[in-house]
Amino acid sequence: MKKNRRDFLKIMTSSALAASLLPLGVCCGEEKPKSGAKGISQNSKVEEAHSLLEIYGNCCTSVFAAYAPELGMEKDLAVRATRGMPGIGLLGNVCGAVSGATLVIGLKTTNENNIYDTEARHKTYETVREFVARFEESHSSINCRELIGHDISTQEKSEAAMKDNAFVNCPRFVVSAVTILDDMCSSEKS
């Protein structure tokens, strides 16, 4: 099962990468990458998230761990913290890319100075709602089961979904989550 999943993810991610990155200009000869937070280019962050998806097979981990260094977190801790998050334990609930982005938003908007501040908490909620609205605008849902078109709530169902190529669009959801996050972060700085 582990080898089959790894092989599947390698095939899925390598073929989906080029198509999923076209809107970002990565494959179109864009000379200067868009800047992301703290000097990390958006394209490199997208590539990092994509690489992490290939390694861990977890969309939440790929989004969250791509931001871990700029959030002051060790990548290993980010991976461990997000292991159970895709589809919230593979129940097919919230898309892991959305969960990872929500965790990033929480860490980016909360610090030791505003951790107990009700107004800051509500600003975080607003930011998450904006992210979700933008993700839904692009993909019509944030529900994993709806996005991939399969119930993955058991190992057997998950394996059947893999055989049906149900996860082929997951790299696109990861790219979308990172792109939206970076756009929202750059808009806040303007």
Protein backbone atom coordinates (compact mmCIF):
# COMPACT_ATOMS: atom_id res chain seq x y z
CA MET A 1 0.00 0.00 0.00
CA LYS A 2 2.75 2.48 0.96
CA LYS A 3 4.76 1.86 -2.23
CA ASN A 4 1.61 2.03 -4.40
CA ARG A 5 0.63 5.34 -2.78
CA ARG A 6 4.13 6.74 -3.25
CA ASP A 7 4.22 5.65 -6.90
CA PHE A 8 0.74 7.04 -7.47
CA LEU A 9 1.66 10.38 -5.91
CA LYS A 10 4.82 10.65 -8.01
CA ILE A 11 2.85 10.06 -11.21
CA MET A 12 0.00 12.32 -10.10
CA THR A 13 2.14 15.20 -9.02
CA SER A 14 4.59 15.14 -11.90
CA SER A 15 1.85 15.20 -14.53
CA ALA A 16 -0.30 17.69 -12.67
CA LEU A 17 2.49 20.14 -11.83
CA ALA A 18 2.89 21.68 -15.26
CA ALA A 19 -0.85 22.11 -15.80
CA SER A 20 -1.48 23.44 -12.31
CA LEU A 21 1.33 26.00 -12.48
CA LEU A 22 0.46 27.47 -15.89
CA PRO A 23 -1.76 30.21 -14.42
CA LEU A 24 1.17 31.32 -12.26
CA GLY A 25 3.49 31.83 -15.19
CA VAL A 26 6.01 29.24 -14.02
CA CYS A 27 5.88 27.42 -17.33
CA CYS A 28 5.37 30.55 -19.39
CA GLY A 29 8.78 32.16 -19.03
CA GLU A 30 7.87 34.68 -16.38
CA GLU A 31 11.14 36.46 -15.75
CA LYS A 32 10.58 37.86 -12.29
CA PRO A 33 8.64 35.74 -9.79
CA LYS A 34 5.98 37.38 -7.68
CA SER A 35 7.22 38.15 -4.21
CA GLY A 36 5.71 36.37 -1.26
CA ALA A 37 6.14 37.04 2.43
CA LYS A 38 9.65 37.71 3.77
CA GLY A 39 11.44 37.53 0.42
CA ILE A 40 10.27 34.05 -0.54
CA SER A 41 8.90 34.09 -4.05
CA GLN A 42 5.39 32.81 -4.60
CA ASN A 43 6.64 30.42 -7.25
CA SER A 44 9.22 28.90 -4.92
CA LYS A 45 6.61 28.52 -2.20
CA VAL A 46 4.26 26.83 -4.67
CA GLU A 47 7.10 24.55 -5.74
CA GLU A 48 7.94 23.79 -2.10
CA ALA A 49 4.32 22.94 -1.31
CA HIS A 50 4.15 20.75 -4.40
CA SER A 51 7.37 18.97 -3.43
CA LEU A 52 6.05 18.38 0.08
CA LEU A 53 2.83 16.94 -1.34
CA GLU A 54 4.89 14.47 -3.33
CA ILE A 55 6.94 13.52 -0.24
CA TYR A 56 4.18 13.28 2.36
CA GLY A 57 1.04 12.69 0.28
CA ASN A 58 -0.82 15.12 2.51
CA CYS A 59 -2.26 18.35 1.17
CA CYS A 60 -2.51 19.99 4.60
CA THR A 61 1.11 19.20 5.37
CA SER A 62 2.26 20.50 2.00
CA VAL A 63 0.60 23.90 2.46
CA PHE A 64 1.40 24.35 6.15
CA ALA A 65 4.99 23.09 6.06
CA ALA A 66 5.78 25.33 3.07
CA TYR A 67 5.14 28.27 5.41
CA ALA A 68 6.75 26.73 8.51
CA PRO A 69 10.15 28.47 8.22
CA GLU A 70 8.64 31.95 7.94
CA LEU A 71 6.31 31.15 10.84
CA GLY A 72 9.27 30.23 13.04
CA MET A 73 8.42 26.53 13.09
CA GLU A 74 10.59 23.54 12.35
CA LYS A 75 9.36 21.72 9.26
CA ASP A 76 9.31 18.37 11.12
CA LEU A 77 6.92 19.81 13.72
CA ALA A 78 4.69 21.19 10.96
CA VAL A 79 4.60 17.74 9.34
CA ARG A 80 3.77 16.02 12.63
CA ALA A 81 1.09 18.58 13.52
CA THR A 82 -0.74 18.15 10.23
CA ARG A 83 -0.52 14.40 9.69
CA GLY A 84 -4.17 13.76 10.61
CA MET A 85 -5.61 16.74 8.79
CA PRO A 86 -6.27 15.75 5.18
CA GLY A 87 -10.03 15.67 4.88
CA ILE A 88 -9.86 15.72 8.71
CA GLY A 89 -8.63 12.19 9.21
CA LEU A 90 -9.59 11.13 5.65
CA LEU A 91 -13.27 11.42 6.48
CA GLY A 92 -13.63 13.62 3.40
CA ASN A 93 -14.52 16.77 5.32
CA VAL A 94 -12.53 19.99 4.91
CA CYS A 95 -9.90 19.82 2.16
CA GLY A 96 -6.43 19.50 3.64
CA ALA A 97 -5.12 22.42 1.57
CA VAL A 98 -7.81 24.59 3.17
CA SER A 99 -7.00 23.24 6.64
CA GLY A 100 -3.31 23.97 6.12
CA ALA A 101 -4.06 27.49 4.91
CA THR A 102 -6.30 28.08 7.93
CA LEU A 103 -3.47 27.07 10.25
CA VAL A 104 -1.12 29.44 8.42
CA ILE A 105 -3.63 32.28 8.75
CA GLY A 106 -4.00 31.61 12.47
CA LEU A 107 -0.26 31.75 13.04
CA LYS A 108 0.21 34.79 10.81
CA THR A 109 -2.53 36.79 12.54
CA THR A 110 -1.91 35.75 16.14
CA ASN A 111 1.05 36.60 18.33
CA GLU A 112 1.91 37.03 22.00
CA ASN A 113 0.56 40.61 21.90
CA ASN A 114 -2.93 39.76 20.63
CA ILE A 115 -3.51 36.16 21.72
CA TYR A 116 -6.29 37.18 24.13
CA ASP A 117 -7.61 40.08 22.05
CA THR A 118 -11.20 39.48 20.93
CA GLU A 119 -10.95 41.99 18.09
CA ALA A 120 -7.82 40.28 16.74
CA ARG A 121 -9.54 36.89 17.01
CA HIS A 122 -12.44 38.17 14.91
CA LYS A 123 -10.01 39.63 12.37
CA THR A 124 -8.52 36.14 12.05
CA TYR A 125 -11.99 34.69 11.49
CA GLU A 126 -12.65 37.31 8.80
CA THR A 127 -9.37 36.44 7.10
CA VAL A 128 -10.23 32.73 7.13
CA ARG A 129 -13.69 33.48 5.71
CA GLU A 130 -12.11 35.54 2.92
CA PHE A 131 -9.71 32.70 2.13
CA VAL A 132 -12.56 30.16 2.09
CA ALA A 133 -14.68 32.38 -0.16
CA ARG A 134 -11.82 32.74 -2.63
CA PHE A 135 -11.07 29.00 -2.58
CA GLU A 136 -14.77 28.18 -3.08
CA GLU A 137 -14.95 30.69 -5.92
CA SER A 138 -12.20 28.75 -7.68
CA HIS A 139 -13.30 25.21 -6.77
CA SER A 140 -17.00 25.40 -5.77
CA SER A 141 -16.37 23.69 -2.41
CA ILE A 142 -13.93 23.25 0.47
CA ASN A 143 -15.21 19.74 1.15
CA CYS A 144 -12.64 17.08 0.23
CA ARG A 145 -15.29 14.49 -0.66
CA GLU A 146 -16.94 16.93 -3.07
CA LEU A 147 -13.66 18.13 -4.57
CA ILE A 148 -12.38 14.64 -5.37
CA GLY A 149 -15.76 13.03 -5.97
CA HIS A 150 -15.14 10.05 -3.69
CA ASP A 151 -15.81 8.85 -0.18
CA ILE A 152 -12.40 8.13 1.37
CA SER A 153 -13.54 7.39 4.91
CA THR A 154 -12.06 3.88 5.04
CA GLN A 155 -8.78 2.47 3.83
CA GLU A 156 -10.62 0.40 1.22
CA LYS A 157 -12.53 3.43 -0.08
CA SER A 158 -9.36 5.49 -0.11
CA GLU A 159 -7.55 2.80 -2.10
CA ALA A 160 -10.48 2.61 -4.53
CA ALA A 161 -10.35 6.40 -4.92
CA MET A 162 -6.63 6.14 -5.69
CA LYS A 163 -7.32 3.53 -8.36
CA ASP A 164 -9.91 5.90 -9.87
CA ASN A 165 -7.37 8.77 -9.90
CA ALA A 166 -9.57 10.74 -7.51
CA PHE A 167 -6.62 12.67 -6.11
CA VAL A 168 -5.38 13.94 -9.47
CA ASN A 169 -6.60 17.49 -8.72
CA CYS A 170 -5.09 17.70 -5.24
CA PRO A 171 -1.92 19.43 -6.49
CA ARG A 172 -4.15 22.07 -8.06
CA PHE A 173 -5.89 22.63 -4.70
CA VAL A 174 -2.51 22.98 -2.98
CA VAL A 175 -1.30 25.48 -5.61
CA SER A 176 -4.55 27.38 -5.29
CA ALA A 177 -4.31 27.55 -1.48
CA VAL A 178 -0.73 28.85 -1.58
CA THR A 179 -1.55 31.34 -4.32
CA ILE A 180 -4.56 32.70 -2.44
CA LEU A 181 -2.60 32.91 0.83
CA ASP A 182 0.26 34.77 -0.82
CA ASP A 183 -2.13 37.11 -2.60
CA MET A 184 -3.94 37.86 0.64
CA CYS A 185 -0.65 38.46 2.47
CA SER A 186 0.66 40.79 -0.22
CA SER A 187 -2.68 42.67 -0.30
CA GLU A 188 -2.50 43.27 3.46
CA LYS A 189 0.99 44.75 3.09
CA SER A 190 -0.15 47.21 0.41
